[in-house]
Protein backbone atom coordinates (compact mmCIF):
# COMPACT_ATOMS: atom_id res chain seq x y z
CA MET A 1 84.11 -87.66 12.85
CA SER A 2 80.89 -86.10 11.77
CA SER A 3 77.74 -88.10 12.03
CA PRO A 4 75.74 -88.64 8.93
CA ARG A 5 72.41 -86.80 8.51
CA ARG A 6 69.35 -88.81 9.18
CA SER A 7 65.93 -88.66 7.71
CA ALA A 8 62.73 -88.30 9.53
CA GLU A 9 62.50 -92.09 9.95
CA GLY A 10 65.99 -92.17 11.45
CA ARG A 11 67.65 -93.50 8.35
CA PRO A 12 70.83 -91.84 7.07
CA LEU A 13 70.62 -89.68 4.03
CA SER A 14 73.02 -90.14 1.21
CA ALA A 15 74.77 -87.45 -0.77
CA SER A 16 72.70 -88.12 -3.76
CA SER A 17 69.56 -87.71 -1.85
CA SER A 18 70.81 -84.45 -0.36
CA SER A 19 71.72 -83.16 -3.74
CA ASN A 20 68.36 -84.12 -5.12
CA SER A 21 66.60 -82.40 -2.28
CA SER A 22 68.36 -79.11 -3.00
CA SER A 23 67.40 -79.16 -6.65
CA PRO A 24 64.43 -76.98 -7.72
CA GLY A 25 62.57 -79.93 -9.14
CA SER A 26 62.64 -82.03 -6.01
CA PRO A 27 59.25 -82.87 -4.60
CA ALA A 28 60.22 -82.26 -0.99
CA LEU A 29 61.11 -78.54 -1.01
CA GLY A 30 60.49 -77.38 -4.55
CA GLY A 31 56.90 -78.47 -4.47
CA GLY A 32 56.27 -76.55 -1.21
CA ARG A 33 57.70 -73.35 -2.63
CA PHE A 34 55.64 -73.72 -5.78
CA GLU A 35 52.46 -74.25 -3.81
CA PHE A 36 53.20 -71.22 -1.56
CA GLN A 37 53.84 -68.95 -4.55
CA SER A 38 50.73 -70.18 -6.34
CA LEU A 39 48.73 -69.51 -3.18
CA LEU A 40 50.00 -65.94 -3.00
CA SER A 41 49.32 -65.36 -6.69
CA SER A 42 45.76 -66.71 -6.36
CA ARG A 43 44.98 -64.52 -3.33
CA ALA A 44 46.43 -61.28 -4.69
CA PRO A 45 43.64 -60.36 -7.17
CA ALA A 46 40.98 -60.89 -4.52
CA THR A 47 42.67 -58.66 -1.99
CA GLU A 48 43.70 -55.85 -4.35
CA PRO A 49 40.20 -54.30 -4.90
CA THR A 50 39.50 -54.37 -1.18
CA SER A 51 42.77 -52.68 -0.34
CA ALA A 52 42.21 -50.16 -3.16
CA ARG A 53 38.81 -49.31 -1.75
CA LEU A 54 40.26 -48.92 1.70
CA ARG A 55 42.96 -46.63 0.42
CA ALA A 56 40.43 -44.56 -1.53
CA SER A 57 38.18 -44.19 1.50
CA GLU A 58 41.13 -43.11 3.63
CA SER A 59 42.31 -40.51 1.11
CA PRO A 60 41.87 -36.77 2.05
CA VAL A 61 39.95 -36.05 -1.13
CA HIS A 62 37.41 -38.73 -0.36
CA ARG A 63 37.07 -37.56 3.22
CA ARG A 64 36.55 -33.93 2.17
CA SER A 65 33.94 -34.80 -0.42
CA SER A 66 31.95 -37.38 1.50
CA PHE A 67 32.06 -36.42 5.17
CA PRO A 68 30.55 -32.89 4.99
CA LEU A 69 27.75 -34.09 2.77
CA ALA A 70 26.93 -36.93 5.10
CA ALA A 71 27.12 -34.69 8.15
CA ALA A 72 25.01 -32.01 6.52
CA GLY A 73 22.41 -34.49 5.42
CA SER A 74 22.19 -36.10 8.86
CA SER A 75 22.48 -33.13 11.24
CA GLN A 76 21.18 -30.03 9.36
CA ALA A 77 17.49 -29.62 8.50
CA PRO A 78 16.26 -27.42 5.61
CA PRO A 79 15.26 -23.86 6.69
CA PRO A 80 11.52 -23.32 7.07
CA SER A 81 9.80 -21.39 4.31
CA LEU A 82 8.50 -17.91 5.15
CA PRO A 83 4.85 -16.96 4.70
CA GLU A 84 3.87 -14.95 1.68
CA ASP A 85 3.33 -11.74 3.66
CA ASP A 86 6.78 -11.96 5.25
CA ARG A 87 8.41 -12.52 1.89
CA MET A 88 6.67 -9.42 0.54
CA ASP A 89 7.90 -7.39 3.52
CA LEU A 90 11.45 -8.64 3.18
CA ASN A 91 11.47 -8.12 -0.60
CA PRO A 92 9.39 -4.99 -1.32
CA SER A 93 8.42 -4.41 -4.89
CA PHE A 94 9.45 -1.43 -6.97
CA LEU A 95 5.85 -0.18 -7.02
CA GLY A 96 5.66 -0.25 -3.23
CA ILE A 97 8.89 1.70 -2.87
CA ALA A 98 7.71 4.25 -5.44
CA LEU A 99 4.36 4.74 -3.67
CA ARG A 100 6.02 5.19 -0.29
CA SER A 101 8.44 7.70 -1.73
CA LEU A 102 5.61 9.62 -3.40
CA LEU A 103 3.66 9.66 -0.13
CA ALA A 104 6.66 10.99 1.77
CA ILE A 105 7.21 13.75 -0.80
CA ASP A 106 3.50 14.59 -0.74
CA LEU A 107 3.42 14.98 3.05
CA TRP A 108 6.62 17.03 3.10
CA LEU A 109 5.49 19.38 0.32
CA SER A 110 2.00 19.80 1.80
CA LYS A 111 3.48 20.79 5.15
CA LYS A 112 5.82 23.27 3.48
CA LEU A 113 2.97 24.88 1.52
CA GLY A 114 0.63 25.09 4.52
CA VAL A 115 1.60 28.70 5.20
CA CYS A 116 -1.94 29.72 6.21
CA ALA A 117 -2.82 26.75 8.36
CA GLU A 118 -2.75 28.85 11.55
CA GLU A 119 -2.88 32.48 12.47
CA SER A 120 0.68 32.23 13.74
CA SER A 121 1.93 30.84 10.42
CA SER A 122 4.16 32.82 8.08
CA TRP A 123 1.16 33.88 5.98
CA GLY A 124 -1.36 33.85 8.79
CA SER A 125 -2.64 37.33 7.91
CA VAL A 126 -3.93 36.02 4.55
CA ARG A 127 -5.96 33.27 6.21
CA PRO A 128 -9.29 35.21 6.27
CA LEU A 129 -9.01 35.87 2.53
CA MET A 130 -8.30 32.19 1.90
CA LYS A 131 -11.32 31.19 3.95
CA LEU A 132 -13.48 33.51 1.87
CA LEU A 133 -12.12 31.87 -1.24
CA GLU A 134 -12.95 28.53 0.36
CA ILE A 135 -16.62 29.49 0.60
CA SER A 136 -16.67 30.38 -3.12
CA GLY A 137 -15.93 26.78 -3.97
CA HIS A 138 -18.23 25.13 -1.45
CA GLY A 139 -20.97 22.86 -2.74
CA ILE A 140 -23.92 24.39 -0.86
CA PRO A 141 -23.64 27.93 -2.34
CA TRP A 142 -23.33 26.47 -5.82
CA LEU A 143 -26.35 24.20 -5.37
CA LEU A 144 -28.52 26.96 -3.92
CA GLY A 145 -27.41 29.44 -6.58
CA THR A 146 -28.13 26.99 -9.42
CA VAL A 147 -31.60 26.15 -8.10
CA TYR A 148 -32.43 29.84 -7.69
CA CYS A 149 -31.28 30.72 -11.21
CA LEU A 150 -33.18 27.75 -12.61
CA SER A 151 -36.39 28.90 -10.94
CA ARG A 152 -35.95 32.45 -12.29
CA SER A 153 -34.98 31.47 -15.82
CA ASP A 154 -37.51 32.03 -18.64
CA SER A 155 -35.39 30.79 -21.52
CA PRO A 156 -35.61 27.11 -22.54
CA ALA A 157 -31.90 27.12 -23.47
CA GLY A 158 -30.99 28.68 -20.13
CA ARG A 159 -33.08 26.13 -18.24
CA GLU A 160 -31.39 23.32 -20.13
CA VAL A 161 -27.92 24.59 -19.23
CA LEU A 162 -28.85 25.15 -15.60
CA MET A 163 -30.49 21.74 -15.38
CA ASN A 164 -27.28 20.09 -16.53
CA LEU A 165 -25.23 22.24 -14.14
CA LEU A 166 -27.42 21.00 -11.31
CA PHE A 167 -26.92 17.45 -12.52
CA ALA A 168 -23.13 17.99 -12.60
CA LEU A 169 -23.06 19.38 -9.05
CA LEU A 170 -25.08 16.46 -7.70
CA LEU A 171 -22.86 13.99 -9.51
CA ASP A 172 -19.81 15.70 -8.02
CA LEU A 173 -21.16 15.44 -4.47
CA LEU A 174 -22.02 11.78 -4.99
CA LEU A 175 -18.66 10.71 -6.45
CA VAL A 176 -16.51 12.71 -4.04
CA GLY A 177 -18.45 11.44 -1.03
CA LEU A 178 -18.20 7.86 -2.27
CA ILE A 179 -14.43 8.04 -2.85
CA LYS A 180 -13.82 9.74 0.49
CA GLY A 181 -15.78 7.04 2.27
CA LEU A 182 -13.80 4.30 0.53
CA VAL A 183 -10.29 5.75 0.86
CA ARG A 184 -10.72 7.41 4.29
CA ARG A 185 -7.51 9.37 4.21
CA ARG A 186 -7.18 11.66 7.18
CA ARG A 187 -6.70 15.38 6.72
CA PRO A 188 -3.24 16.84 7.42
CA ALA A 189 -2.22 17.06 11.06
CA HIS A 190 -1.78 20.85 10.87
CA ASN A 191 -5.36 21.41 9.69
CA GLN A 192 -7.87 23.25 11.86
CA MET A 193 -11.42 21.91 11.62
CA ASP A 194 -13.02 25.34 11.20
CA MET A 195 -14.43 24.68 7.75
CA PHE A 196 -17.70 26.03 6.42
CA VAL A 197 -20.62 23.55 6.86
CA THR A 198 -19.02 20.11 7.01
CA LEU A 199 -20.68 16.70 6.69
CA SER A 200 -19.62 13.29 7.99
CA VAL A 201 -17.35 12.51 5.04
CA ASP A 202 -15.70 15.92 5.19
CA ARG A 203 -13.33 14.73 7.89
CA TYR A 204 -11.55 12.76 5.17
CA SER A 205 -9.09 14.36 2.80
CA PHE A 206 -8.92 12.39 -0.47
CA PRO A 207 -9.96 13.81 -2.91
CA SER A 208 -10.49 17.54 -2.51
CA GLY A 209 -14.12 18.37 -3.19
CA HIS A 210 -13.27 22.02 -3.80
CA ALA A 211 -10.72 21.04 -6.44
CA THR A 212 -13.15 18.72 -8.24
CA ARG A 213 -15.85 21.36 -8.17
CA ALA A 214 -13.48 24.07 -9.39
CA ALA A 215 -12.38 21.97 -12.37
CA LEU A 216 -15.93 20.88 -13.15
CA VAL A 217 -17.56 24.30 -12.93
CA SER A 218 -14.77 26.13 -14.76
CA ARG A 219 -14.88 23.69 -17.67
CA PHE A 220 -18.67 23.85 -17.73
CA ILE A 221 -18.68 27.66 -17.83
CA LEU A 222 -15.98 27.84 -20.50
CA ASN A 223 -17.92 25.47 -22.75
CA HIS A 224 -21.46 26.81 -22.35
CA LEU A 225 -21.11 30.54 -21.65
CA VAL A 226 -19.89 33.13 -24.10
CA LEU A 227 -17.30 35.12 -22.17
CA ALA A 228 -14.61 37.57 -23.10
CA ILE A 229 -11.01 36.46 -22.90
CA PRO A 230 -10.25 38.34 -19.63
CA LEU A 231 -13.24 36.63 -17.99
CA ARG A 232 -12.15 33.25 -19.26
CA VAL A 233 -8.67 33.80 -17.82
CA LEU A 234 -10.27 34.89 -14.55
CA VAL A 235 -12.27 31.64 -14.38
CA ILE A 236 -9.13 29.57 -14.88
CA LEU A 237 -7.23 31.56 -12.25
CA TRP A 238 -10.12 31.13 -9.80
CA ALA A 239 -9.99 27.34 -10.19
CA PHE A 240 -6.21 27.22 -9.80
CA ILE A 241 -6.04 29.53 -6.76
CA LEU A 242 -8.94 27.70 -5.13
CA GLY A 243 -7.08 24.42 -5.39
CA LEU A 244 -3.87 26.01 -4.09
CA SER A 245 -5.70 27.56 -1.15
CA ARG A 246 -6.74 24.09 0.03
CA VAL A 247 -3.09 23.23 0.56
CA MET A 248 -2.18 26.63 2.02
CA LEU A 249 -4.96 26.37 4.59
CA GLY A 250 -3.81 22.90 5.53
CA ARG A 251 -7.10 21.31 4.48
CA HIS A 252 -5.61 18.90 1.94
CA ASN A 253 -2.39 17.39 0.71
CA VAL A 254 -1.03 18.11 -2.74
CA THR A 255 -2.14 14.75 -4.15
CA ASP A 256 -5.70 15.36 -2.92
CA VAL A 257 -5.94 18.55 -4.95
CA ALA A 258 -4.20 17.08 -8.01
CA PHE A 259 -6.55 14.09 -8.10
CA GLY A 260 -9.49 16.43 -7.51
CA PHE A 261 -8.63 18.44 -10.61
CA VAL A 262 -8.41 15.26 -12.70
CA LEU A 263 -11.69 13.93 -11.32
CA GLY A 264 -13.52 17.20 -11.91
CA TYR A 265 -12.27 17.33 -15.49
CA MET A 266 -13.53 13.80 -16.09
CA GLN A 267 -16.87 14.56 -14.45
CA TYR A 268 -17.63 17.18 -17.05
CA SER A 269 -16.99 14.57 -19.75
CA ILE A 270 -19.60 12.35 -18.10
CA VAL A 271 -22.09 15.22 -17.92
CA ASP A 272 -21.47 16.14 -21.52
CA TYR A 273 -21.98 12.52 -22.60
CA PHE A 274 -25.29 12.25 -20.69
CA TRP A 275 -26.42 15.74 -21.53
CA LEU A 276 -30.01 16.31 -20.44
CA SER A 277 -32.32 17.89 -23.00
CA PRO A 278 -36.08 17.99 -23.70
CA HIS A 279 -35.51 15.24 -26.26
CA ASN A 280 -33.86 12.59 -24.05
CA ALA A 281 -35.32 13.67 -20.67
CA PRO A 282 -38.68 15.29 -21.40
CA VAL A 283 -40.18 14.32 -18.05
CA LEU A 284 -37.74 16.46 -16.07
CA PHE A 285 -38.37 19.55 -18.14
CA VAL A 286 -42.13 19.07 -18.08
CA LEU A 287 -42.18 18.67 -14.31
CA TRP A 288 -39.94 21.71 -13.86
CA ASN A 289 -42.09 23.83 -16.19
CA GLN A 290 -45.21 22.89 -14.24
CA GLN A 291 -43.64 24.10 -11.03
């Protein structure tokens, strides 16, 4: 015979009590379940954000987006900035590239045209003639010839023209010597220093003094002397061939001669603007007439 169930105090439980205990509204078991469910429901909202944050931090997208940035910010330092000179060397300007290209073309063309630089060159037999042409454009013969003609002149108009020619030649020597001393460009490597009466600045190449003098004198003669057309053409050819001979002899580069022509042309404009006459420079003419 089965023994009856006993309570915690050792008293037997009746059927009614057992049926009441199994009902959902009983305080013994039903209340415990209700409290357990209410406890779970009260804790769920507090734990959901934390678990959501954990899941988001463990996601591959979050790891890819956050970890490299954190590692880069902690381990890699910003690259040091380059000095201004290094940046200019690494990123050359368009003007610098153009100037270097022009210089390379100038040196190449000058070497190709230096056909009379030596006796063994392709046109070495013409070298004596070119050296004679070189003397015709030298400053000393022009200065001495102008002073001699000025001392022998009896015409006031002739003395005025010769006085301004002397002023132009002195201005040319001054400007060319000043620019050569400032630029200090060496003469071509294939040049032979056998020039006629050189000074200290004549070891420099830029600009060509013969080219400046040829342009200056030819423009002066064409504007102040009445010459026939063949003589005028001959003056222009003399200036052009004299400038070309400087490159053929290896004395100058092409840019030296080109700039010399431009400078000589501008020098005449300066002389013409400051033209000396008995009206604006009477002291010079009076002193010269007394001599």
